[in-house]
Amino acid sequence: MIKMRVLNERGGHFAALRNSTVLIYWPHGLGDWVHLGTILPLLEPSNRYFVTRFGDDFVSVIEGNAYARPLYSGARKLSDGAEQGARHLGIDPRRVAGALMDVALPDWLERHVRLARIDTLFYTDYPEPEGRAAFPFHTKARALAKSLVAAPRIAHFDLSKALASTIDFSVRPEINTFVESVLADYMQPADPLVLLALRGHTNERKAWPPVRARELIALLRARAARATFLLLDEGPVPPELAGAVFSFAELFRGEQPFAAIYKALLARAKLFIGVPAGPLHMASAYGCLPIIGIWQVHHPDWYDELNRNAVHLIGADVVRRGFARRPATVTKPEALKDTCEVVAQAVVPAQAVAARAYELL
């Protein structure tokens, strides 16, 4: 247990921080790690930044980042740290107010803190505005950045343009060779690879039913018989998709680092199709891959920066519930508008996805 100054985004303490060494504790999902890559270059440059969580799979997203150094625990499994002594370093986020607090650091993290002379810990519950924040702070990441960056500094950035991701998407040769060797057992080098992400962790209602995915695969294989489909979701392949897809979890089980393999797959793929979850957000930040987003609960204006290679299919319930009339959408300038299509059904039909995918395969 050591005492550290602990900050969150409230009260202006973090925005006022200068010439400090900061550990960003970021116990959030894959998509939030992706969006951190947009926030980091906006932060005060006189500080040094390190970033970590319990679970190296997500920490590896920031590998090679120019603005923050990832700190690894040596354990891939995502957790809250309870098995290493205390949940979330023993900090109750509701009590964070910019003062000194007792922080329960596991041995591996305490070594990093002492070696790097880290003097400040940042921990946010990362509030979710869900489209209620107006442009230019309309996305989840931009809304947080507004509280983390002093007004004179943020005024130097052109927020009327899409903010660049600072995630390093380069692929090391040995990782690329490994990924290609695995894929070679299931497809030929010229076969189009389609990445599928059908589920998310935060809201089950945004999942796209496996039966719809099965219909989509049949439609696409009628046009592109050699197409290979790789399911990125965790857990076993749904029975409806048995024999129709390969599973990331099965093909690459136990291999590290997760993000390096995923980056190699993004570079290899022909198309990404998925719901708003970590894999889609990472594909969007990558920017070089055609994307078909399937939005049945949320609206795309709430999350990612503009990606000209993406088209978003929006379910009828999103419109019915008024999500397209929230400030994030109605205040967003035309130059940042995503390509969106509203479908008549609450569950996006396979035919609507296929119609967009045909021209891409």
Protein backbone atom coordinates (compact mmCIF):
# COMPACT_ATOMS: atom_id res chain seq x y z
CA MET A 1 0.00 0.00 0.00
CA ILE A 2 1.42 3.38 -0.98
CA LYS A 3 0.01 6.89 -1.00
CA MET A 4 -0.50 8.55 -4.38
CA ARG A 5 -2.39 11.52 -5.67
CA VAL A 6 -5.43 10.13 -7.45
CA LEU A 7 -7.33 12.14 -10.05
CA ASN A 8 -10.33 11.67 -12.27
CA GLU A 9 -11.77 13.95 -14.96
CA ARG A 10 -13.80 16.03 -12.50
CA GLY A 11 -12.84 19.29 -10.86
CA GLY A 12 -10.24 20.33 -13.43
CA HIS A 13 -7.35 18.78 -11.46
CA PHE A 14 -6.13 16.57 -14.29
CA ALA A 15 -6.37 19.35 -16.88
CA ALA A 16 -4.22 21.53 -14.61
CA LEU A 17 -1.53 18.87 -14.09
CA ARG A 18 1.95 19.81 -15.35
CA ASN A 19 5.41 18.18 -15.33
CA SER A 20 4.16 15.00 -13.69
CA THR A 21 4.50 11.29 -14.35
CA VAL A 22 1.04 9.80 -14.63
CA LEU A 23 -0.26 6.26 -14.52
CA ILE A 24 -3.56 5.99 -16.38
CA TYR A 25 -5.47 3.09 -14.84
CA TRP A 26 -7.93 2.13 -17.60
CA PRO A 27 -10.04 -0.89 -16.54
CA HIS A 28 -12.36 -0.55 -19.51
CA GLY A 29 -13.33 -2.48 -22.63
CA LEU A 30 -11.50 -2.98 -25.90
CA GLY A 31 -13.37 -0.17 -27.61
CA ASP A 32 -12.43 2.20 -24.80
CA TRP A 33 -8.77 1.24 -25.22
CA VAL A 34 -9.11 2.03 -28.91
CA HIS A 35 -10.62 5.43 -28.14
CA LEU A 36 -7.82 6.12 -25.66
CA GLY A 37 -5.60 6.24 -28.74
CA THR A 38 -7.57 9.31 -29.83
CA ILE A 39 -7.44 11.01 -26.43
CA LEU A 40 -3.72 10.60 -25.69
CA PRO A 41 -2.29 13.16 -28.17
CA LEU A 42 -4.62 15.82 -26.78
CA LEU A 43 -3.25 15.54 -23.23
CA GLU A 44 -0.82 18.00 -21.64
CA PRO A 45 2.61 17.25 -23.21
CA SER A 46 4.70 18.26 -20.19
CA ASN A 47 3.51 15.11 -18.41
CA ARG A 48 4.72 11.55 -19.03
CA TYR A 49 2.03 8.91 -19.36
CA PHE A 50 1.90 5.19 -18.61
CA VAL A 51 -1.24 3.10 -19.01
CA THR A 52 -2.35 -0.25 -17.61
CA ARG A 53 -5.16 -2.50 -16.44
CA PHE A 54 -5.43 -6.07 -15.19
CA GLY A 55 -5.41 -7.95 -18.49
CA ASP A 56 -2.55 -7.66 -20.98
CA ASP A 57 -4.74 -8.51 -23.97
CA PHE A 58 -6.20 -5.01 -23.90
CA VAL A 59 -3.03 -3.29 -22.70
CA SER A 60 -1.33 -4.57 -25.85
CA VAL A 61 -3.55 -2.25 -27.92
CA ILE A 62 -1.27 0.64 -26.89
CA GLU A 63 1.97 -1.17 -27.79
CA GLY A 64 4.18 1.19 -29.79
CA ASN A 65 2.12 4.29 -28.97
CA ALA A 66 4.08 7.53 -29.15
CA TYR A 67 2.20 9.21 -26.29
CA ALA A 68 1.96 6.58 -23.56
CA ARG A 69 3.85 3.47 -22.51
CA PRO A 70 1.87 0.32 -21.70
CA LEU A 71 2.66 -1.52 -18.47
CA TYR A 72 2.13 -5.29 -18.54
CA SER A 73 1.23 -7.54 -15.63
CA GLY A 74 2.22 -10.77 -17.39
CA ALA A 75 -1.37 -12.08 -17.20
CA ARG A 76 -3.59 -11.94 -20.27
CA LYS A 77 -6.88 -12.60 -18.47
CA LEU A 78 -9.03 -9.54 -17.88
CA SER A 79 -9.95 -8.91 -14.25
CA ASP A 80 -10.53 -6.22 -11.65
CA GLY A 81 -7.36 -7.17 -9.75
CA ALA A 82 -9.11 -8.76 -6.76
CA GLU A 83 -7.05 -11.93 -7.11
CA GLN A 84 -3.89 -9.79 -6.82
CA GLY A 85 -4.91 -8.10 -3.58
CA ALA A 86 -7.63 -5.50 -4.15
CA ARG A 87 -10.30 -4.61 -6.67
CA HIS A 88 -9.23 -1.68 -8.85
CA LEU A 89 -6.16 -0.97 -6.72
CA GLY A 90 -8.36 -0.56 -3.66
CA ILE A 91 -9.84 2.68 -4.99
CA ASP A 92 -13.51 3.60 -4.86
CA PRO A 93 -13.97 5.87 -7.91
CA ARG A 94 -16.74 7.74 -6.08
CA ARG A 95 -14.18 8.95 -3.52
CA VAL A 96 -11.60 10.27 -6.00
CA ALA A 97 -11.25 14.02 -5.51
CA GLY A 98 -7.66 14.90 -6.39
CA ALA A 99 -6.17 14.17 -2.97
CA LEU A 100 -3.67 11.62 -1.68
CA MET A 101 -5.18 8.16 -1.33
CA ASP A 102 -3.99 4.74 -0.22
CA VAL A 103 -3.38 2.70 -3.38
CA ALA A 104 -3.00 -1.08 -3.23
CA LEU A 105 -0.46 -1.79 -5.94
CA PRO A 106 0.44 -5.40 -6.75
CA ASP A 107 4.17 -6.08 -6.74
CA TRP A 108 4.61 -5.88 -10.52
CA LEU A 109 2.90 -2.50 -10.70
CA GLU A 110 4.63 -1.09 -7.63
CA ARG A 111 7.98 -1.88 -9.26
CA HIS A 112 6.97 0.09 -12.35
CA VAL A 113 5.67 2.99 -10.26
CA ARG A 114 8.88 3.28 -8.27
CA LEU A 115 11.19 2.78 -11.27
CA ALA A 116 9.41 5.39 -13.40
CA ARG A 117 8.83 7.69 -10.41
CA ILE A 118 5.14 7.85 -11.14
CA ASP A 119 3.57 10.44 -8.85
CA THR A 120 -0.05 10.59 -10.01
CA LEU A 121 -2.74 8.01 -10.71
CA PHE A 122 -5.65 8.73 -13.04
CA TYR A 123 -8.77 6.59 -12.72
CA THR A 124 -12.11 7.36 -14.35
CA ASP A 125 -15.31 5.38 -14.62
CA TYR A 126 -15.43 6.88 -18.15
CA PRO A 127 -18.94 8.36 -18.29
CA GLU A 128 -21.14 7.45 -21.24
CA PRO A 129 -22.93 10.52 -22.74
CA GLU A 130 -24.89 8.38 -25.25
CA GLY A 131 -25.24 11.19 -27.75
CA ARG A 132 -26.27 13.88 -25.28
CA ALA A 133 -23.07 15.90 -25.78
CA ALA A 134 -23.05 18.36 -28.66
CA PHE A 135 -20.35 18.77 -31.31
CA PRO A 136 -17.37 19.11 -31.05
CA PHE A 137 -17.49 16.87 -27.97
CA HIS A 138 -20.14 14.51 -29.32
CA THR A 139 -18.33 11.17 -29.00
CA LYS A 140 -17.60 9.36 -25.76
CA ALA A 141 -13.86 10.02 -26.15
CA ARG A 142 -14.23 13.68 -27.09
CA ALA A 143 -16.58 14.29 -24.17
CA LEU A 144 -13.98 12.89 -21.76
CA ALA A 145 -11.18 14.86 -23.43
CA LYS A 146 -13.11 18.08 -22.79
CA SER A 147 -12.63 17.46 -19.06
CA LEU A 148 -9.03 16.25 -19.32
CA VAL A 149 -7.51 18.99 -21.47
CA ALA A 150 -7.20 22.65 -20.53
CA ALA A 151 -9.29 24.93 -22.74
CA PRO A 152 -6.31 26.89 -24.16
CA ARG A 153 -4.64 23.65 -25.25
CA ILE A 154 -7.69 22.00 -26.76
CA ALA A 155 -8.33 25.19 -28.74
CA HIS A 156 -5.15 24.41 -30.73
CA PHE A 157 -6.74 21.27 -32.21
CA ASP A 158 -9.09 21.41 -35.20
CA LEU A 159 -12.06 19.55 -33.77
CA SER A 160 -14.05 20.12 -36.96
CA LYS A 161 -12.00 17.33 -38.53
CA ALA A 162 -11.81 13.65 -37.64
CA LEU A 163 -9.22 13.12 -34.91
CA ALA A 164 -6.48 10.69 -35.84
CA SER A 165 -5.91 7.53 -33.84
CA THR A 166 -2.42 7.09 -32.43
CA ILE A 167 -2.68 3.31 -32.22
CA ASP A 168 0.28 1.71 -33.96
CA PHE A 169 -1.23 -0.67 -36.51
CA SER A 170 2.10 -1.86 -37.92
CA VAL A 171 2.55 -5.63 -37.82
CA ARG A 172 5.83 -7.23 -36.83
CA PRO A 173 7.06 -9.71 -39.49
CA GLU A 174 7.07 -12.66 -37.08
CA ILE A 175 3.44 -11.96 -36.10
CA ASN A 176 2.39 -11.70 -39.72
CA THR A 177 4.15 -14.97 -40.53
CA PHE A 178 2.43 -16.69 -37.61
CA VAL A 179 -1.04 -15.44 -38.56
CA GLU A 180 -0.57 -16.43 -42.18
CA SER A 181 0.60 -19.90 -41.15
CA VAL A 182 -2.57 -20.40 -39.10
CA LEU A 183 -4.86 -19.11 -41.84
CA ALA A 184 -3.11 -21.30 -44.42
CA ASP A 185 -4.79 -24.35 -42.89
CA TYR A 186 -8.22 -22.92 -43.68
CA MET A 187 -7.93 -20.73 -46.78
CA GLN A 188 -5.80 -19.89 -49.79
CA PRO A 189 -3.79 -16.64 -49.91
CA ALA A 190 -6.10 -15.12 -52.53
CA ASP A 191 -9.33 -16.02 -50.71
CA PRO A 192 -11.18 -13.00 -49.27
CA LEU A 193 -11.21 -12.94 -45.46
CA VAL A 194 -14.30 -11.48 -43.80
CA LEU A 195 -14.15 -10.59 -40.10
CA LEU A 196 -17.42 -10.94 -38.16
CA ALA A 197 -18.27 -9.51 -34.72
CA LEU A 198 -21.83 -10.33 -33.68
CA ARG A 199 -21.88 -9.58 -29.95
CA GLY A 200 -20.84 -6.97 -27.42
CA HIS A 201 -20.25 -7.04 -23.68
CA THR A 202 -22.23 -4.04 -22.47
CA ASN A 203 -25.66 -4.63 -24.01
CA GLU A 204 -26.96 -7.96 -25.25
CA ARG A 205 -29.64 -6.24 -27.32
CA LYS A 206 -27.06 -4.93 -29.75
CA ALA A 207 -26.11 -8.49 -30.75
CA TRP A 208 -26.87 -9.58 -34.30
CA PRO A 209 -28.60 -13.00 -34.28
CA PRO A 210 -26.45 -15.90 -35.50
CA VAL A 211 -29.30 -17.01 -37.77
CA ARG A 212 -29.02 -13.67 -39.60
CA ALA A 213 -25.28 -14.15 -39.91
CA ARG A 214 -25.89 -17.62 -41.35
CA GLU A 215 -28.23 -16.11 -43.96
CA LEU A 216 -25.62 -13.47 -44.78
CA ILE A 217 -22.87 -16.02 -45.27
CA ALA A 218 -25.06 -18.03 -47.66
CA LEU A 219 -25.86 -14.90 -49.66
CA LEU A 220 -22.22 -13.83 -49.89
CA ARG A 221 -20.91 -17.28 -50.77
CA ALA A 222 -23.36 -17.37 -53.66
CA ARG A 223 -21.37 -14.43 -55.08
CA ALA A 224 -17.92 -15.18 -53.64
CA ALA A 225 -17.63 -18.91 -53.09
CA ARG A 226 -14.07 -18.67 -51.73
CA ALA A 227 -14.88 -16.16 -49.00
CA THR A 228 -13.71 -17.24 -45.53
CA PHE A 229 -15.47 -15.95 -42.41
CA LEU A 230 -13.64 -15.51 -39.10
CA LEU A 231 -15.76 -14.91 -35.99
CA LEU A 232 -14.07 -12.56 -33.53
CA ASP A 233 -16.49 -13.05 -30.62
CA GLU A 234 -15.33 -14.74 -27.43
CA GLY A 235 -16.67 -18.14 -26.51
CA PRO A 236 -17.81 -21.07 -28.63
CA VAL A 237 -19.23 -20.69 -32.12
CA PRO A 238 -23.06 -20.52 -31.97
CA PRO A 239 -24.72 -23.74 -33.22
CA GLU A 240 -26.34 -21.81 -36.06
CA LEU A 241 -22.88 -20.97 -37.43
CA ALA A 242 -21.22 -24.36 -36.98
CA GLY A 243 -19.34 -25.21 -40.15
CA ALA A 244 -19.90 -21.74 -41.62
CA VAL A 245 -17.23 -19.79 -39.75
CA PHE A 246 -13.88 -20.22 -38.08
CA SER A 247 -13.34 -18.89 -34.57
CA PHE A 248 -10.64 -16.43 -33.54
CA ALA A 249 -10.76 -17.89 -30.02
CA GLU A 250 -10.05 -21.40 -31.32
CA LEU A 251 -7.51 -20.57 -34.02
CA PHE A 252 -5.41 -18.23 -31.89
CA ARG A 253 -6.06 -19.56 -28.39
CA GLY A 254 -3.18 -18.90 -26.01
CA GLU A 255 -1.16 -16.80 -28.43
CA GLN A 256 0.19 -13.42 -27.37
CA PRO A 257 -0.22 -10.57 -27.79
CA PHE A 258 -3.90 -10.38 -28.67
CA ALA A 259 -3.78 -6.93 -30.25
CA ALA A 260 -0.80 -7.78 -32.44
CA ILE A 261 -2.68 -10.74 -33.91
CA TYR A 262 -5.82 -8.69 -34.39
CA LYS A 263 -3.86 -5.95 -36.16
CA ALA A 264 -2.44 -8.57 -38.53
CA LEU A 265 -5.96 -9.82 -39.27
CA LEU A 266 -7.15 -6.30 -40.04
CA ALA A 267 -4.33 -5.95 -42.55
CA ARG A 268 -5.19 -9.33 -44.10
CA ALA A 269 -8.99 -8.95 -44.24
CA LYS A 270 -11.12 -7.85 -47.17
CA LEU A 271 -14.16 -6.74 -45.15
CA PHE A 272 -15.34 -6.23 -41.56
CA ILE A 273 -18.98 -6.73 -40.56
CA GLY A 274 -20.10 -6.23 -36.98
CA VAL A 275 -22.00 -4.58 -34.17
CA PRO A 276 -20.67 -1.66 -32.09
CA ALA A 277 -18.18 -3.44 -29.86
CA GLY A 278 -14.41 -3.45 -29.46
CA PRO A 279 -13.59 -5.19 -32.76
CA LEU A 280 -15.62 -2.68 -34.79
CA HIS A 281 -14.08 0.29 -32.97
CA MET A 282 -10.60 -1.08 -33.62
CA ALA A 283 -11.35 -1.71 -37.29
CA SER A 284 -12.68 1.83 -37.55
CA ALA A 285 -9.53 3.29 -36.01
CA TYR A 286 -7.45 1.22 -38.43
CA GLY A 287 -9.19 3.04 -41.26
CA CYS A 288 -7.94 0.96 -44.20
CA LEU A 289 -10.62 -1.74 -44.26
CA PRO A 290 -14.21 -1.53 -45.56
CA ILE A 291 -16.64 -1.77 -42.65
CA ILE A 292 -20.34 -2.53 -42.43
CA GLY A 293 -21.62 -1.58 -38.99
CA ILE A 294 -24.84 -3.07 -37.62
CA TRP A 295 -26.49 -0.68 -35.15
CA GLN A 296 -29.67 -1.88 -33.44
CA VAL A 297 -29.45 -0.15 -30.04
CA HIS A 298 -26.92 2.70 -30.28
CA HIS A 299 -26.10 5.37 -32.87
CA PRO A 300 -22.72 5.60 -34.66
CA ASP A 301 -22.41 9.31 -33.90
CA TRP A 302 -21.76 8.45 -30.25
CA TYR A 303 -18.42 6.68 -30.62
CA ASP A 304 -15.95 6.60 -33.50
CA GLU A 305 -14.37 9.33 -35.55
CA LEU A 306 -15.48 9.58 -39.17
CA ASN A 307 -14.31 6.68 -41.33
CA ARG A 308 -14.93 7.09 -45.07
CA ASN A 309 -14.56 3.32 -45.53
CA ALA A 310 -17.51 2.56 -43.26
CA VAL A 311 -21.24 2.31 -43.87
CA HIS A 312 -23.57 1.92 -40.91
CA LEU A 313 -26.92 0.12 -41.10
CA ILE A 314 -29.23 1.46 -38.41
CA GLY A 315 -32.16 -0.52 -37.05
CA ALA A 316 -35.64 0.98 -36.81
CA ASP A 317 -35.63 1.04 -32.99
CA VAL A 318 -32.69 3.45 -32.95
CA VAL A 319 -34.78 5.95 -34.91
CA ARG A 320 -38.00 5.20 -33.04
CA ARG A 321 -36.33 5.94 -29.71
CA GLY A 322 -35.13 9.32 -30.95
CA PHE A 323 -31.42 8.58 -30.84
CA ALA A 324 -30.88 10.28 -34.22
CA ARG A 325 -32.33 13.48 -32.74
CA ARG A 326 -29.86 13.73 -29.86
CA PRO A 327 -27.29 16.58 -29.82
CA ALA A 328 -24.41 14.40 -31.05
CA THR A 329 -26.22 13.91 -34.36
CA VAL A 330 -28.12 17.15 -34.89
CA THR A 331 -25.09 19.37 -34.12
CA LYS A 332 -22.55 17.33 -36.08
CA PRO A 333 -21.36 19.18 -39.23
CA GLU A 334 -21.88 17.64 -42.65
CA ALA A 335 -18.13 17.20 -43.08
CA LEU A 336 -18.14 14.66 -40.23
CA LYS A 337 -21.34 12.82 -41.15
CA ASP A 338 -21.02 9.06 -41.41
CA THR A 339 -22.56 7.08 -44.25
CA CYS A 340 -25.71 5.68 -42.64
CA GLU A 341 -28.74 3.76 -43.88
CA VAL A 342 -31.86 3.19 -41.81
CA VAL A 343 -33.63 -0.12 -42.32
CA ALA A 344 -37.32 -0.75 -41.69
CA GLN A 345 -36.75 -3.57 -39.21
CA ALA A 346 -35.52 -3.48 -35.60
CA VAL A 347 -33.12 -6.34 -36.40
CA VAL A 348 -31.02 -5.50 -39.44
CA PRO A 349 -31.82 -8.09 -42.14
CA ALA A 350 -29.11 -10.15 -43.78
CA GLN A 351 -30.21 -8.91 -47.20
CA ALA A 352 -29.42 -5.30 -46.25
CA VAL A 353 -25.92 -6.26 -45.14
CA ALA A 354 -25.36 -8.41 -48.22
CA ALA A 355 -26.43 -5.61 -50.56
CA ARG A 356 -23.61 -3.48 -49.20
CA ALA A 357 -21.11 -6.34 -49.03
CA TYR A 358 -21.55 -7.58 -52.61
CA GLU A 359 -19.57 -4.70 -54.09
CA LEU A 360 -16.74 -5.20 -51.60
CA LEU A 361 -15.96 -8.89 -52.19
